[in-house]
Amino acid sequence: MPGGRLTRKIGIVALGRAANTLAIYAVYALAARTWDKEICGFFQAVWVLSNTLVPIFLLGLPTAVLYFFPLRKNSRRLALEAGLCLLCSALLLSGVLYWGGAALFGFLEGNPVESASFARYLIAFTPYVFALVAGGCVDALLVAGEKEHWQAWLSLATATGLVAASALGKMWGLGLQDVLGAFSAVGGVRLLVGYVLVRRALGDGEGGNGGGLGALLAYAKPIALNDAVGAISRYVDKYVVLYFFGAATFAEYQFGAVEVPISLLLAAVVTVLVPEVSSLYQRDRVEEIAALWHGAVSRLALVALPLFFFLLFFSDSFIAWYLPAEYGASTWVFRVFLLALPLRCAVYNPLLVGMGKARWALWGSIGDLMLNLALSLLLVDLLRSVWPHAAFLGPAIATVLSTYVQVLFLVAAIAWHLRWSWQRLLPWRALGRLGACSLVAAGGARWVGSAVETPFFQLLLGAIVFALVLGGLLWSQRAQRQDLRALFAALGKKGGES
């Protein structure tokens, strides 16, 4: 069935995303053990600034390519159009980083002297950012061209390169500028290899429909605006922390704001689901869209909800194992951001984008940005007066609250466009049962794990107990047992099977 084929495709793409995500975790952990908090603050500032700008300069083209791929016969022309646009955008981004990045950091830090040091770090890292934007459509084109396993291997190789560069930096005592330069070398190799793989993956089509470059850019425009607003909103709390608390506290905050790996599954779902929804919506097959949506929610929930409850009970053990002792304050940042994890049981923007309703996603992102910024400033000011030691948590709390409001708006938009009732929108009973089972399993695992003191062994023992208890509880329920069987069967099928 198509659901099985898509689940396996999502699983392969997710493996590639997992490699990148785990590589970032490893890079963070190595950075915290290589440099002091001040230098780690510089490193995180470079990382955050770059990650804010990259989605903006991608111009919405990766998602637009996924939408147009099933509509175009000449896929190589589509790839060429998108690639040339992103190449020009990458050149522009390099200039923005060079001329504006250091000035922005000096303003936020309030120290013009440190902006000169920051400029050197930016110059070393700029080629990596250039490669990310110039090759921004590589993953989308490989997946749309049914070469998702190539995309996964490319991601794995890139992740290995980033971790190797960080490890060598720690072993040899390299400075931040040297390590960032090594990242840039890895990014350059990935860009070249990605271009070669895309050329091999796409056939020589003739003719085509769905419009040319103008149609591509017109469709991408609202997506680009949404991505730009979303990128700023996603990192606005970081800039507030850097402005009010300085580089050392910023390092504690950013290390604690480590993203739970569910994002890799969400990115994979986006890459696979958008072209499917686009194709179905063009043919007015709303019931099949509903089946895809419910299937995606049910299977994402099997990861998101258990992860949420396990990490909620073991957050102190995780941070104590992951980071050095001087980053103990990062535990509270991690706990606050963890509260948004249950929302990751579904993808919202891609469903609207696939139906050609990207402007609704844009309005949701604009509202999220405005609310996030206002709440961040308000909570920092409030906590400074009543609880000064926790004031740096204000932006994290604001981010979680604004995310819940944004998701409520997006879910309402989806229900309105597809004329679904709230009862039909999500599999509420299944989510409730899964959440209850996960809560019981996490509580039991924490009780058993507390018998040992070492954080790593607490996590290991707790994970084993959690998996056994949760697996037994889910397997005892017929509906959950069917979901698990369908998931494992889909992941085990070969690419050619449906």
Protein backbone atom coordinates (compact mmCIF):
# COMPACT_ATOMS: atom_id res chain seq x y z
CA MET A 1 0.00 0.00 0.00
CA PRO A 2 1.20 3.61 -0.55
CA GLY A 3 1.38 4.24 3.18
CA GLY A 4 3.97 1.50 3.56
CA ARG A 5 6.07 2.84 0.71
CA LEU A 6 5.96 6.35 2.17
CA THR A 7 6.78 5.14 5.67
CA ARG A 8 9.87 3.36 4.42
CA LYS A 9 10.86 6.40 2.37
CA ILE A 10 10.42 8.62 5.42
CA GLY A 11 12.48 6.18 7.46
CA ILE A 12 15.40 6.30 5.01
CA VAL A 13 15.31 10.10 4.81
CA ALA A 14 15.09 10.23 8.60
CA LEU A 15 18.26 8.15 8.90
CA GLY A 16 20.11 10.78 6.92
CA ARG A 17 18.61 13.54 9.03
CA ALA A 18 19.49 11.57 12.15
CA ALA A 19 23.13 11.49 11.14
CA ASN A 20 23.18 15.29 10.83
CA THR A 21 21.32 15.81 14.10
CA LEU A 22 23.49 13.42 16.08
CA ALA A 23 26.57 15.02 14.54
CA ILE A 24 25.46 18.42 15.85
CA TYR A 25 24.97 16.91 19.31
CA ALA A 26 28.46 15.45 19.18
CA VAL A 27 29.92 18.76 17.97
CA TYR A 28 28.23 20.58 20.87
CA ALA A 29 29.53 18.08 23.41
CA LEU A 30 33.08 18.29 22.03
CA ALA A 31 32.96 22.09 21.90
CA ALA A 32 31.90 22.26 25.57
CA ARG A 33 34.94 20.13 26.44
CA THR A 34 37.39 21.94 24.16
CA TRP A 35 36.92 25.66 24.91
CA ASP A 36 35.83 27.80 27.86
CA LYS A 37 32.33 29.25 28.12
CA GLU A 38 33.29 32.53 26.47
CA ILE A 39 34.67 30.85 23.35
CA CYS A 40 31.73 28.43 23.32
CA GLY A 41 29.51 31.49 23.36
CA PHE A 42 31.29 32.76 20.23
CA PHE A 43 30.88 29.35 18.61
CA GLN A 44 27.18 29.20 19.39
CA ALA A 45 26.69 32.77 18.17
CA VAL A 46 28.26 31.88 14.82
CA TRP A 47 26.08 28.78 14.62
CA VAL A 48 22.85 30.58 15.56
CA LEU A 49 23.44 33.53 13.21
CA SER A 50 24.16 31.17 10.31
CA ASN A 51 21.16 28.95 11.05
CA THR A 52 18.94 32.02 11.20
CA LEU A 53 20.06 33.25 7.77
CA VAL A 54 20.24 29.95 5.86
CA PRO A 55 16.44 29.30 5.77
CA ILE A 56 15.92 32.91 4.66
CA PHE A 57 18.35 32.65 1.76
CA LEU A 58 17.03 29.26 0.65
CA LEU A 59 14.14 31.32 -0.75
CA GLY A 60 11.59 28.56 -0.13
CA LEU A 61 12.98 26.70 -3.14
CA PRO A 62 13.54 23.24 -1.58
CA THR A 63 9.85 22.97 -0.68
CA ALA A 64 8.81 24.49 -4.01
CA VAL A 65 10.90 21.91 -5.85
CA LEU A 66 9.10 19.14 -3.98
CA TYR A 67 5.76 20.63 -5.03
CA PHE A 68 6.67 21.06 -8.71
CA PHE A 69 8.60 17.82 -9.19
CA PRO A 70 5.49 15.65 -9.82
CA LEU A 71 4.13 18.36 -12.16
CA ARG A 72 7.23 18.71 -14.34
CA LYS A 73 8.48 16.26 -16.96
CA ASN A 74 11.84 18.01 -17.37
CA SER A 75 13.27 17.49 -13.88
CA ARG A 76 16.79 18.54 -14.87
CA ARG A 77 15.56 21.94 -15.99
CA LEU A 78 13.74 22.31 -12.67
CA ALA A 79 16.96 21.43 -10.83
CA LEU A 80 18.97 23.89 -12.94
CA GLU A 81 16.54 26.74 -12.33
CA ALA A 82 16.49 26.17 -8.59
CA GLY A 83 20.25 25.58 -8.40
CA LEU A 84 21.18 28.81 -10.20
CA CYS A 85 18.84 30.83 -7.98
CA LEU A 86 20.36 29.31 -4.86
CA LEU A 87 23.90 29.87 -6.12
CA CYS A 88 23.19 33.60 -6.50
CA SER A 89 21.49 33.63 -3.10
CA ALA A 90 24.50 31.92 -1.49
CA LEU A 91 26.83 34.60 -2.87
CA LEU A 92 24.57 37.30 -1.44
CA LEU A 93 24.46 35.53 1.94
CA SER A 94 28.26 35.41 2.07
CA GLY A 95 28.35 39.17 1.66
CA VAL A 96 25.71 39.70 4.34
CA LEU A 97 27.66 37.55 6.81
CA TYR A 98 30.92 39.32 6.06
CA TRP A 99 29.57 42.87 6.29
CA GLY A 100 26.77 42.56 8.81
CA GLY A 101 27.40 39.55 11.06
CA ALA A 102 30.20 41.03 13.16
CA ALA A 103 28.37 44.34 13.54
CA LEU A 104 25.26 42.55 14.80
CA PHE A 105 27.30 40.56 17.32
CA GLY A 106 29.04 43.73 18.55
CA PHE A 107 25.64 45.37 19.08
CA LEU A 108 24.20 42.40 20.96
CA GLU A 109 27.31 41.96 23.10
CA GLY A 110 27.80 45.69 23.59
CA ASN A 111 31.54 45.25 22.95
CA PRO A 112 32.95 46.48 19.60
CA VAL A 113 36.34 44.94 20.38
CA GLU A 114 34.90 41.42 20.46
CA SER A 115 33.19 41.98 17.10
CA ALA A 116 36.64 41.91 15.44
CA SER A 117 37.28 38.41 16.82
CA PHE A 118 33.81 37.35 15.79
CA ALA A 119 34.48 38.56 12.24
CA ARG A 120 37.42 36.15 11.94
CA TYR A 121 35.22 33.26 13.02
CA LEU A 122 32.54 34.25 10.52
CA ILE A 123 35.05 34.39 7.65
CA ALA A 124 36.22 30.88 8.48
CA PHE A 125 32.64 29.55 8.60
CA THR A 126 31.19 31.43 5.61
CA PRO A 127 32.15 28.78 3.00
CA TYR A 128 30.19 26.19 4.97
CA VAL A 129 27.12 28.42 5.02
CA PHE A 130 27.60 29.13 1.30
CA ALA A 131 27.59 25.38 0.61
CA LEU A 132 24.41 24.86 2.65
CA VAL A 133 22.49 27.41 0.58
CA ALA A 134 24.02 26.64 -2.82
CA GLY A 135 23.21 22.96 -2.31
CA GLY A 136 19.89 23.62 -0.61
CA CYS A 137 17.84 21.64 -3.14
CA VAL A 138 20.10 18.59 -3.28
CA ASP A 139 18.21 16.62 -0.62
CA ALA A 140 14.81 17.51 -2.06
CA LEU A 141 15.81 16.54 -5.60
CA LEU A 142 17.35 13.23 -4.54
CA VAL A 143 14.28 12.25 -2.53
CA ALA A 144 11.83 13.39 -5.22
CA GLY A 145 13.93 11.49 -7.78
CA GLU A 146 13.50 8.25 -5.77
CA LYS A 147 17.15 8.27 -4.64
CA GLU A 148 16.49 8.76 -0.96
CA HIS A 149 19.20 6.22 -0.07
CA TRP A 150 21.76 8.45 -1.82
CA GLN A 151 20.57 11.37 0.26
CA ALA A 152 20.94 9.32 3.44
CA TRP A 153 24.52 8.28 2.58
CA LEU A 154 25.45 11.87 1.69
CA SER A 155 24.10 13.08 5.04
CA LEU A 156 25.96 10.34 6.89
CA ALA A 157 29.25 11.24 5.19
CA THR A 158 28.77 14.93 6.01
CA ALA A 159 27.96 14.15 9.63
CA THR A 160 31.08 12.01 9.93
CA GLY A 161 33.18 14.86 8.56
CA LEU A 162 31.81 17.39 11.05
CA VAL A 163 32.37 15.11 14.03
CA ALA A 164 35.88 14.23 12.83
CA ALA A 165 36.77 17.93 12.52
CA SER A 166 35.51 18.60 16.06
CA ALA A 167 37.32 15.56 17.47
CA LEU A 168 40.58 16.61 15.86
CA GLY A 169 40.07 20.09 17.29
CA LYS A 170 39.89 18.64 20.79
CA MET A 171 42.73 16.16 20.31
CA TRP A 172 45.12 18.70 18.83
CA GLY A 173 43.97 21.70 20.86
CA LEU A 174 42.89 23.67 17.79
CA GLY A 175 41.29 27.07 18.08
CA LEU A 176 37.73 27.85 17.09
CA GLN A 177 38.76 29.47 13.81
CA ASP A 178 40.63 26.33 12.72
CA VAL A 179 37.68 24.04 13.50
CA LEU A 180 35.22 26.30 11.69
CA GLY A 181 37.55 26.27 8.68
CA ALA A 182 37.51 22.47 8.74
CA PHE A 183 33.69 22.57 8.77
CA SER A 184 33.83 24.73 5.66
CA ALA A 185 36.00 22.15 3.90
CA VAL A 186 33.46 19.45 4.73
CA GLY A 187 30.65 21.64 3.40
CA GLY A 188 32.48 22.26 0.15
CA VAL A 189 32.99 18.56 -0.50
CA ARG A 190 29.33 17.87 0.26
CA LEU A 191 28.25 20.53 -2.23
CA LEU A 192 30.31 19.06 -5.07
CA VAL A 193 29.27 15.47 -4.36
CA GLY A 194 25.63 16.56 -4.06
CA TYR A 195 25.70 18.18 -7.50
CA VAL A 196 27.13 15.02 -9.03
CA LEU A 197 24.50 12.81 -7.39
CA VAL A 198 21.64 15.05 -8.52
CA ARG A 199 22.89 14.97 -12.11
CA ARG A 200 22.96 11.17 -12.02
CA ALA A 201 19.59 10.88 -10.29
CA LEU A 202 17.55 13.00 -12.70
CA GLY A 203 16.68 11.85 -16.18
CA ASP A 204 16.51 13.85 -19.41
CA GLY A 205 12.85 14.82 -19.66
CA GLU A 206 11.32 16.66 -22.56
CA GLY A 207 8.69 19.34 -22.50
CA GLY A 208 6.96 19.76 -19.17
CA ASN A 209 4.14 21.57 -17.50
CA GLY A 210 3.63 23.36 -14.21
CA GLY A 211 5.24 26.56 -15.57
CA GLY A 212 8.86 27.67 -15.72
CA LEU A 213 11.11 29.72 -13.47
CA GLY A 214 8.45 32.37 -12.96
CA ALA A 215 5.94 29.85 -11.66
CA LEU A 216 8.59 28.28 -9.42
CA LEU A 217 9.55 31.60 -7.85
CA ALA A 218 5.92 32.71 -7.53
CA TYR A 219 5.04 29.55 -5.63
CA ALA A 220 8.21 29.79 -3.52
CA LYS A 221 7.61 33.42 -2.49
CA PRO A 222 5.09 32.84 0.34
CA ILE A 223 7.10 29.80 1.46
CA ALA A 224 10.25 31.93 1.56
CA LEU A 225 8.48 34.57 3.63
CA ASN A 226 7.15 31.90 5.97
CA ASP A 227 10.59 30.29 6.31
CA ALA A 228 12.22 33.67 6.92
CA VAL A 229 9.76 34.62 9.64
CA GLY A 230 9.96 31.11 11.11
CA ALA A 231 13.76 31.21 11.21
CA ILE A 232 13.81 34.54 13.01
CA SER A 233 11.08 33.34 15.38
CA ARG A 234 12.94 30.09 16.07
CA TYR A 235 16.06 31.96 17.17
CA VAL A 236 14.68 35.21 18.57
CA ASP A 237 14.97 33.86 22.12
CA LYS A 238 18.69 33.22 21.55
CA TYR A 239 19.30 36.80 20.48
CA VAL A 240 17.42 38.09 23.52
CA VAL A 241 19.61 35.96 25.82
CA LEU A 242 22.79 37.12 24.08
CA TYR A 243 21.72 40.76 24.36
CA PHE A 244 20.79 40.65 28.04
CA PHE A 245 23.19 38.06 29.49
CA GLY A 246 26.40 37.86 27.41
CA ALA A 247 28.36 35.10 25.70
CA ALA A 248 29.01 32.82 28.70
CA THR A 249 25.35 32.59 29.72
CA PHE A 250 24.43 32.31 26.06
CA ALA A 251 26.58 29.16 25.84
CA GLU A 252 24.72 27.63 28.81
CA TYR A 253 21.38 28.53 27.26
CA GLN A 254 22.18 27.27 23.78
CA PHE A 255 23.68 23.98 24.95
CA GLY A 256 20.55 23.40 27.05
CA ALA A 257 18.31 24.27 24.10
CA VAL A 258 19.53 21.17 22.28
CA GLU A 259 16.82 19.97 19.92
CA VAL A 260 15.33 16.55 20.58
CA PRO A 261 15.89 14.24 17.57
CA ILE A 262 12.21 14.16 16.61
CA SER A 263 12.99 17.10 14.31
CA LEU A 264 14.85 14.73 11.99
CA LEU A 265 11.69 12.70 11.51
CA LEU A 266 9.66 15.85 10.95
CA ALA A 267 12.09 17.04 8.28
CA ALA A 268 11.87 13.65 6.59
CA VAL A 269 8.08 13.72 6.70
CA VAL A 270 8.10 17.19 5.16
CA THR A 271 10.40 16.11 2.34
CA VAL A 272 8.24 13.10 1.49
CA LEU A 273 4.75 14.38 2.32
CA VAL A 274 4.66 17.69 0.42
CA PRO A 275 4.84 16.19 -3.11
CA GLU A 276 2.30 13.49 -2.12
CA VAL A 277 -0.18 16.03 -0.73
CA SER A 278 0.40 18.26 -3.74
CA SER A 279 -0.44 15.43 -6.14
CA LEU A 280 -3.53 14.33 -4.21
CA TYR A 281 -4.88 17.85 -3.71
CA GLN A 282 -4.61 18.57 -7.43
CA ARG A 283 -6.94 15.61 -7.98
CA ASP A 284 -9.29 16.60 -5.13
CA ARG A 285 -8.65 13.37 -3.23
CA VAL A 286 -9.20 14.78 0.24
CA GLU A 287 -9.90 11.42 1.87
CA GLU A 288 -6.47 10.15 0.86
CA ILE A 289 -4.90 13.29 2.29
CA ALA A 290 -6.72 12.53 5.54
CA ALA A 291 -5.35 8.97 5.51
CA LEU A 292 -1.78 10.27 4.98
CA TRP A 293 -2.19 12.87 7.73
CA HIS A 294 -3.57 10.40 10.29
CA GLY A 295 -0.93 7.83 9.39
CA ALA A 296 1.84 10.39 9.80
CA VAL A 297 0.44 11.58 13.15
CA SER A 298 0.05 8.05 14.53
CA ARG A 299 3.56 7.03 13.58
CA LEU A 300 5.24 10.26 14.65
CA ALA A 301 3.47 9.96 18.00
CA LEU A 302 5.07 6.54 18.53
CA VAL A 303 8.38 8.41 18.70
CA ALA A 304 7.46 11.86 20.05
CA LEU A 305 5.37 10.96 23.10
CA PRO A 306 7.61 8.21 24.51
CA LEU A 307 10.66 10.46 24.01
CA PHE A 308 8.93 13.31 25.80
CA PHE A 309 8.07 11.34 28.93
CA PHE A 310 11.40 9.53 29.09
CA LEU A 311 13.47 12.71 28.75
CA LEU A 312 11.19 14.59 31.15
CA PHE A 313 11.98 12.05 33.88
CA PHE A 314 15.68 11.75 32.97
CA SER A 315 16.54 15.33 31.94
CA ASP A 316 19.02 15.85 34.79
CA SER A 317 20.79 12.57 34.02
CA PHE A 318 20.96 13.40 30.32
CA ILE A 319 22.51 16.86 30.77
CA ALA A 320 24.93 15.56 33.44
CA TRP A 321 26.15 12.92 30.97
CA TYR A 322 26.05 15.14 27.87
CA LEU A 323 27.76 18.30 29.19
CA PRO A 324 30.54 19.12 31.68
CA ALA A 325 29.56 19.90 35.27
CA GLU A 326 29.84 23.69 34.78
CA TYR A 327 26.82 23.57 32.48
CA GLY A 328 24.38 22.42 35.18
CA ALA A 329 22.12 25.43 34.52
CA SER A 330 21.49 24.06 31.03
CA THR A 331 19.25 21.37 32.58
CA TRP A 332 16.43 23.84 33.19
CA VAL A 333 16.65 25.21 29.65
CA PHE A 334 16.40 21.66 28.34
CA ARG A 335 13.36 20.94 30.51
CA VAL A 336 11.50 24.03 29.36
CA PHE A 337 12.04 23.34 25.66
CA LEU A 338 11.08 19.72 26.22
CA LEU A 339 7.51 20.85 26.95
CA ALA A 340 7.02 21.60 23.24
CA LEU A 341 7.91 18.06 22.18
CA PRO A 342 4.32 16.66 22.27
CA LEU A 343 3.45 19.14 19.51
CA ARG A 344 5.82 17.25 17.22
CA CYS A 345 3.31 14.44 16.85
CA ALA A 346 2.24 16.13 13.62
CA VAL A 347 3.52 18.37 10.83
CA TYR A 348 1.37 21.42 10.17
CA ASN A 349 2.92 23.85 7.68
CA PRO A 350 3.69 21.16 5.05
CA LEU A 351 0.04 20.11 4.86
CA LEU A 352 -0.96 23.69 4.10
CA VAL A 353 1.96 24.13 1.68
CA GLY A 354 1.08 20.92 -0.15
CA MET A 355 -2.46 22.22 -0.64
CA GLY A 356 -1.12 25.50 -2.01
CA LYS A 357 -2.17 27.39 1.16
CA ALA A 358 1.29 28.59 2.16
CA ARG A 359 0.03 32.05 3.13
CA TRP A 360 -1.81 30.57 6.11
CA ALA A 361 1.43 29.07 7.35
CA LEU A 362 3.05 32.51 6.85
CA TRP A 363 0.47 34.25 9.04
CA GLY A 364 1.00 31.61 11.71
CA SER A 365 4.74 32.24 11.66
CA ILE A 366 4.33 36.02 11.82
CA GLY A 367 2.07 35.69 14.85
CA ASP A 368 4.54 33.30 16.47
CA LEU A 369 7.43 35.75 15.92
CA MET A 370 5.60 38.75 17.36
CA LEU A 371 4.28 36.86 20.37
CA ASN A 372 7.65 35.19 21.02
CA LEU A 373 9.57 38.47 20.99
CA ALA A 374 7.04 40.29 23.17
CA LEU A 375 6.86 37.47 25.73
CA SER A 376 10.66 37.03 25.77
CA LEU A 377 11.24 40.68 26.67
CA LEU A 378 8.37 40.71 29.15
CA LEU A 379 9.44 37.54 30.98
CA VAL A 380 13.10 38.57 31.17
CA ASP A 381 12.06 41.86 32.78
CA LEU A 382 9.62 40.14 35.14
CA LEU A 383 11.98 37.36 36.23
CA ARG A 384 14.83 39.80 36.79
CA SER A 385 12.79 41.43 39.52
CA VAL A 386 11.27 38.35 41.19
CA TRP A 387 13.75 35.53 40.41
CA PRO A 388 17.04 36.93 39.01
CA HIS A 389 18.84 33.57 38.79
CA ALA A 390 16.15 32.22 36.48
CA ALA A 391 15.77 35.33 34.30
CA PHE A 392 17.64 33.68 31.40
CA LEU A 393 14.82 31.10 31.23
CA GLY A 394 12.29 33.76 30.21
CA PRO A 395 12.96 33.48 26.45
CA ALA A 396 12.69 29.68 26.61
CA ILE A 397 9.29 29.88 28.33
CA ALA A 398 8.16 32.47 25.79
CA THR A 399 9.20 30.24 22.89
CA VAL A 400 7.22 27.26 24.18
CA LEU A 401 4.09 29.33 24.87
CA SER A 402 4.15 31.01 21.45
CA THR A 403 4.69 27.65 19.76
CA TYR A 404 1.53 26.26 21.35
CA VAL A 405 -0.45 29.29 20.15
CA GLN A 406 0.95 28.94 16.62
CA VAL A 407 0.10 25.23 16.43
CA LEU A 408 -3.45 25.93 17.59
CA PHE A 409 -3.83 28.44 14.75
CA LEU A 410 -2.38 26.07 12.13
CA VAL A 411 -4.52 23.15 13.23
CA ALA A 412 -7.62 25.37 13.00
CA ALA A 413 -6.56 26.43 9.47
CA ILE A 414 -6.12 22.81 8.38
CA ALA A 415 -9.49 21.82 9.80
CA TRP A 416 -11.20 24.76 8.05
CA HIS A 417 -9.64 24.13 4.62
CA LEU A 418 -10.37 20.40 4.64
CA ARG A 419 -13.73 20.83 6.40
CA TRP A 420 -12.75 18.47 9.20
CA SER A 421 -14.22 18.53 12.68
CA TRP A 422 -11.90 18.68 15.69
CA GLN A 423 -12.82 15.11 16.54
CA ARG A 424 -11.73 13.95 13.10
CA LEU A 425 -8.62 16.07 12.93
CA LEU A 426 -6.40 13.90 15.16
CA PRO A 427 -6.60 10.35 16.57
CA TRP A 428 -7.20 11.68 20.07
CA ARG A 429 -7.93 8.36 21.80
CA ALA A 430 -4.85 6.68 20.38
CA LEU A 431 -2.70 9.65 21.44
CA GLY A 432 -4.20 9.54 24.93
CA ARG A 433 -3.52 5.81 25.34
CA LEU A 434 0.03 6.19 24.08
CA GLY A 435 0.66 9.13 26.41
CA ALA A 436 -0.68 7.24 29.44
CA CYS A 437 1.46 4.18 28.66
CA SER A 438 4.54 6.34 28.18
CA LEU A 439 3.94 8.12 31.50
CA VAL A 440 3.68 4.85 33.40
CA ALA A 441 6.77 3.42 31.69
CA ALA A 442 8.84 6.56 32.32
CA GLY A 443 7.86 6.69 35.99
CA GLY A 444 8.84 3.05 36.49
CA ALA A 445 12.09 3.51 34.60
CA ARG A 446 13.06 6.49 36.75
CA TRP A 447 12.36 4.56 39.93
CA VAL A 448 14.59 1.70 38.79
CA GLY A 449 17.27 4.00 37.34
CA SER A 450 17.65 5.89 40.62
CA ALA A 451 19.31 2.77 42.02
CA VAL A 452 22.57 3.77 40.28
CA GLU A 453 24.43 7.08 40.59
CA THR A 454 26.40 7.44 37.35
CA PRO A 455 24.35 9.50 34.83
CA PHE A 456 25.28 7.30 31.87
CA PHE A 457 24.20 4.10 33.62
CA GLN A 458 21.05 5.80 34.89
CA LEU A 459 20.16 6.58 31.28
CA LEU A 460 21.12 3.11 30.07
CA LEU A 461 19.23 1.22 32.76
CA GLY A 462 16.27 3.58 32.51
CA ALA A 463 16.10 3.23 28.72
CA ILE A 464 16.09 -0.57 28.95
CA VAL A 465 13.34 -0.63 31.58
CA PHE A 466 11.35 2.04 29.73
CA ALA A 467 11.51 0.16 26.42
CA LEU A 468 10.47 -3.13 28.02
CA VAL A 469 7.57 -1.67 30.00
CA LEU A 470 6.31 0.53 27.18
CA GLY A 471 6.67 -2.25 24.63
CA GLY A 472 4.68 -4.61 26.84
CA LEU A 473 1.93 -2.05 27.46
CA LEU A 474 1.60 -1.17 23.77
CA TRP A 475 1.68 -4.78 22.63
CA SER A 476 -1.13 -5.63 25.04
CA GLN A 477 -3.44 -3.21 23.18
CA ARG A 478 -4.80 -4.41 19.87
CA ALA A 479 -4.89 -0.99 18.16
CA GLN A 480 -1.35 -0.08 19.19
CA ARG A 481 -0.13 -3.54 18.24
CA GLN A 482 -1.51 -3.07 14.73
CA ASP A 483 0.19 0.32 14.41
CA LEU A 484 3.53 -1.15 15.46
CA ARG A 485 3.20 -4.07 13.06
CA ALA A 486 2.30 -1.72 10.19
CA LEU A 487 5.27 0.52 11.00
CA PHE A 488 7.80 -2.32 11.17
CA ALA A 489 6.39 -3.94 8.04
CA ALA A 490 6.57 -0.68 6.10
CA LEU A 491 10.15 0.02 7.17
CA GLY A 492 11.15 -3.48 6.15
CA LYS A 493 9.77 -3.34 2.61
CA LYS A 494 11.98 -2.82 -0.37
CA GLY A 495 11.83 0.44 -2.23
CA GLY A 496 10.03 -1.03 -5.17
CA GLU A 497 7.16 -2.42 -3.15
CA SER A 498 4.08 -0.42 -2.44
